[in-house]
C-alpha atoms as a PDB file:
ATOM      1  CA  MET A   1      35.339 -91.336  34.498  1.00  0.00           C
ATOM      2  CA  CYS A   2      38.327 -93.587  34.010  1.00  0.00           C
ATOM      3  CA  LYS A   3      40.223 -94.685  37.111  1.00  0.00           C
ATOM      4  CA  LEU A   4      43.696 -95.974  36.334  1.00  0.00           C
ATOM      5  CA  LEU A   5      45.909 -98.124  38.511  1.00  0.00           C
ATOM      6  CA  SER A   6      47.455 -95.693  41.001  1.00  0.00           C
ATOM      7  CA  LYS A   7      51.017 -96.967  40.518  1.00  0.00           C
ATOM      8  CA  TYR A   8      51.248 -95.504  37.026  1.00  0.00           C
ATOM      9  CA  GLY A   9      49.216 -92.333  37.583  1.00  0.00           C
ATOM     10  CA  LYS A  10      48.525 -90.287  34.446  1.00  0.00           C
ATOM     11  CA  VAL A  11      48.712 -91.677  30.943  1.00  0.00           C
ATOM     12  CA  HIS A  12      52.047 -91.022  29.213  1.00  0.00           C
ATOM     13  CA  ALA A  13      52.609 -90.786  25.454  1.00  0.00           C
ATOM     14  CA  ALA A  14      55.697 -92.981  25.907  1.00  0.00           C
ATOM     15  CA  TRP A  15      53.371 -95.924  26.669  1.00  0.00           C
ATOM     16  CA  LEU A  16      52.572 -95.997  22.949  1.00  0.00           C
ATOM     17  CA  GLY A  17      55.992 -94.909  21.707  1.00  0.00           C
ATOM     18  CA  ASP A  18      57.742 -96.296  18.620  1.00  0.00           C
ATOM     19  CA  ASN A  19      59.892 -98.572  20.780  1.00  0.00           C
ATOM     20  CA  ARG A  20      56.752-100.276  22.166  1.00  0.00           C
ATOM     21  CA  LEU A  21      54.121-100.104  19.437  1.00  0.00           C
ATOM     22  CA  LYS A  22      54.892-102.443  16.542  1.00  0.00           C
ATOM     23  CA  THR A  23      52.831-103.554  13.548  1.00  0.00           C
ATOM     24  CA  ASN A  24      51.113-106.449  15.316  1.00  0.00           C
ATOM     25  CA  THR A  25      51.922-105.992  18.968  1.00  0.00           C
ATOM     26  CA  LEU A  26      52.429-103.666  21.908  1.00  0.00           C
ATOM     27  CA  THR A  27      55.329-104.500  24.184  1.00  0.00           C
ATOM     28  CA  SER A  28      55.054-103.092  27.686  1.00  0.00           C
ATOM     29  CA  PHE A  29      54.656-103.880  31.363  1.00  0.00           C
ATOM     30  CA  SER A  30      51.361-105.504  32.309  1.00  0.00           C
ATOM     31  CA  GLY A  31      50.370-102.570  34.553  1.00  0.00           C
ATOM     32  CA  ILE A  32      50.708-100.146  31.658  1.00  0.00           C
ATOM     33  CA  ILE A  33      48.725-102.452  29.374  1.00  0.00           C
ATOM     34  CA  LEU A  34      45.995-102.692  32.015  1.00  0.00           C
ATOM     35  CA  ASN A  35      45.899 -98.893  32.169  1.00  0.00           C
ATOM     36  CA  LEU A  36      45.612 -98.636  28.397  1.00  0.00           C
ATOM     37  CA  VAL A  37      42.610-100.972  28.200  1.00  0.00           C
ATOM     38  CA  PRO A  38      40.083 -98.449  29.631  1.00  0.00           C
ATOM     39  CA  VAL A  39      41.717 -95.544  27.771  1.00  0.00           C
ATOM     40  CA  ILE A  40      41.364 -97.330  24.413  1.00  0.00           C
ATOM     41  CA  MET A  41      37.795 -98.362  25.333  1.00  0.00           C
ATOM     42  CA  LEU A  42      36.895 -94.725  25.998  1.00  0.00           C
ATOM     43  CA  PHE A  43      38.454 -93.751  22.677  1.00  0.00           C
ATOM     44  CA  LEU A  44      36.472 -96.398  20.769  1.00  0.00           C
ATOM     45  CA  GLU A  45      33.207 -95.463  22.480  1.00  0.00           C
ATOM     46  CA  THR A  46      33.748 -91.732  21.996  1.00  0.00           C
ATOM     47  CA  PHE A  47      35.029 -91.601  18.454  1.00  0.00           C
ATOM     48  CA  HIS A  48      34.066 -94.868  16.738  1.00  0.00           C
ATOM     49  CA  ALA A  49      30.850 -96.117  18.332  1.00  0.00           C
ATOM     50  CA  ASP A  50      28.807 -95.277  15.249  1.00  0.00           C
ATOM     51  CA  LYS A  51      31.214 -96.647  12.631  1.00  0.00           C
ATOM     52  CA  ASP A  52      29.681 -99.766  11.069  1.00  0.00           C
ATOM     53  CA  GLU A  53      33.073-101.221  10.121  1.00  0.00           C
ATOM     54  CA  LEU A  54      34.209-101.095  13.766  1.00  0.00           C
ATOM     55  CA  VAL A  55      31.093-102.412  15.503  1.00  0.00           C
ATOM     56  CA  ASP A  56      32.527-105.931  15.956  1.00  0.00           C
ATOM     57  CA  VAL A  57      35.966-104.573  16.904  1.00  0.00           C
ATOM     58  CA  THR A  58      34.446-102.293  19.522  1.00  0.00           C
ATOM     59  CA  ARG A  59      32.260-105.135  20.861  1.00  0.00           C
ATOM     60  CA  CYS A  60      35.262-107.473  21.050  1.00  0.00           C
ATOM     61  CA  TYR A  61      37.347-104.865  22.843  1.00  0.00           C
ATOM     62  CA  LYS A  62      34.494-104.143  25.246  1.00  0.00           C
ATOM     63  CA  LEU A  63      34.358-107.827  26.164  1.00  0.00           C
ATOM     64  CA  MET A  64      38.062-107.729  27.017  1.00  0.00           C
ATOM     65  CA  HIS A  65      37.630-104.426  28.884  1.00  0.00           C
ATOM     66  CA  THR A  66      34.798-105.874  30.974  1.00  0.00           C
ATOM     67  CA  GLY A  67      36.784-109.008  31.824  1.00  0.00           C
ATOM     68  CA  VAL A  68      39.843-107.000  32.812  1.00  0.00           C
ATOM     69  CA  GLY A  69      37.626-104.736  34.904  1.00  0.00           C
ATOM     70  CA  ILE A  70      36.187-107.711  36.777  1.00  0.00           C
ATOM     71  CA  MET A  71      39.634-109.132  37.427  1.00  0.00           C
ATOM     72  CA  ASN A  72      40.905-105.747  38.616  1.00  0.00           C
ATOM     73  CA  ASN A  73      38.514-106.081  41.543  1.00  0.00           C
ATOM     74  CA  GLY A  74      41.019-108.438  43.140  1.00  0.00           C
ATOM     75  CA  SER A  75      41.139-111.968  44.412  1.00  0.00           C
ATOM     76  CA  GLU A  76      38.306-111.484  46.890  1.00  0.00           C
ATOM     77  CA  VAL A  77      35.702-110.170  44.442  1.00  0.00           C
ATOM     78  CA  ALA A  78      36.640-111.513  40.999  1.00  0.00           C
ATOM     79  CA  PRO A  79      35.992-115.214  41.765  1.00  0.00           C
ATOM     80  CA  ARG A  80      32.342-114.385  42.380  1.00  0.00           C
ATOM     81  CA  PHE A  81      32.151-113.577  38.657  1.00  0.00           C
ATOM     82  CA  ALA A  82      33.823-116.748  37.369  1.00  0.00           C
ATOM     83  CA  THR A  83      30.790-117.771  35.298  1.00  0.00           C
ATOM     84  CA  LYS A  84      30.517-114.296  33.779  1.00  0.00           C
ATOM     85  CA  LEU A  85      34.253-114.299  33.008  1.00  0.00           C
ATOM     86  CA  GLN A  86      33.908-117.642  31.221  1.00  0.00           C
ATOM     87  CA  GLU A  87      31.026-116.266  29.149  1.00  0.00           C
ATOM     88  CA  LEU A  88      32.997-113.116  28.293  1.00  0.00           C
ATOM     89  CA  LEU A  89      36.061-115.107  27.305  1.00  0.00           C
ATOM     90  CA  THR A  90      34.042-117.465  25.101  1.00  0.00           C
ATOM     91  CA  GLU A  91      32.252-114.614  23.355  1.00  0.00           C
ATOM     92  CA  PHE A  92      35.529-112.686  23.008  1.00  0.00           C
ATOM     93  CA  HIS A  93      37.289-115.675  21.437  1.00  0.00           C
ATOM     94  CA  THR A  94      34.416-116.322  19.007  1.00  0.00           C
ATOM     95  CA  LEU A  95      34.191-112.680  17.935  1.00  0.00           C
ATOM     96  CA  PHE A  96      37.965-112.287  17.665  1.00  0.00           C
ATOM     97  CA  ALA A  97      38.175-115.349  15.412  1.00  0.00           C
ATOM     98  CA  LEU A  98      35.499-113.798  13.198  1.00  0.00           C
ATOM     99  CA  ILE A  99      37.248-110.419  13.019  1.00  0.00           C
ATOM    100  CA  SER A 100      40.781-111.770  12.566  1.00  0.00           C
ATOM    101  CA  PRO A 101      40.614-115.296  11.116  1.00  0.00           C
ATOM    102  CA  SER A 102      44.325-115.286  10.217  1.00  0.00           C
ATOM    103  CA  ILE A 103      45.389-114.768  13.848  1.00  0.00           C
ATOM    104  CA  LYS A 104      45.168-117.764  16.137  1.00  0.00           C
ATOM    105  CA  LEU A 105      44.593-116.696  19.719  1.00  0.00           C
ATOM    106  CA  LYS A 106      46.113-118.809  22.429  1.00  0.00           C
ATOM    107  CA  LEU A 107      43.664-118.332  25.250  1.00  0.00           C
ATOM    108  CA  HIS A 108      43.901-121.741  26.900  1.00  0.00           C
ATOM    109  CA  HIS A 109      45.902-120.226  29.774  1.00  0.00           C
ATOM    110  CA  MET A 110      43.006-117.821  30.460  1.00  0.00           C
ATOM    111  CA  ARG A 111      40.744-120.774  31.188  1.00  0.00           C
ATOM    112  CA  HIS A 112      43.073-121.669  34.052  1.00  0.00           C
ATOM    113  CA  VAL A 113      42.787-118.166  35.505  1.00  0.00           C
ATOM    114  CA  ILE A 114      39.021-118.439  35.539  1.00  0.00           C
END
């Protein structure tokens, strides 16, 4: 089961339309992006979980999915998981750098959130 943020309701194809999906980026509102995270995770787990070439990509995405899920619990619950969020972010950053060495992530602002 995948529960999306209620404001946006059902998934719309326009969320991944040509005007938003570019070669290296997806431009959209944060709420839509947050709704796409579990949808893409379900896709990866359902259709690509057994693909050797995507094991690290799926693991990296799952780390992000888990962190976003924790933060979606709100300001009352999420701070209880600050240590776990730091661990997830560190592992995500390390794995992302391994998968995409030519892309330099700028995650320093995430440390301030945690």
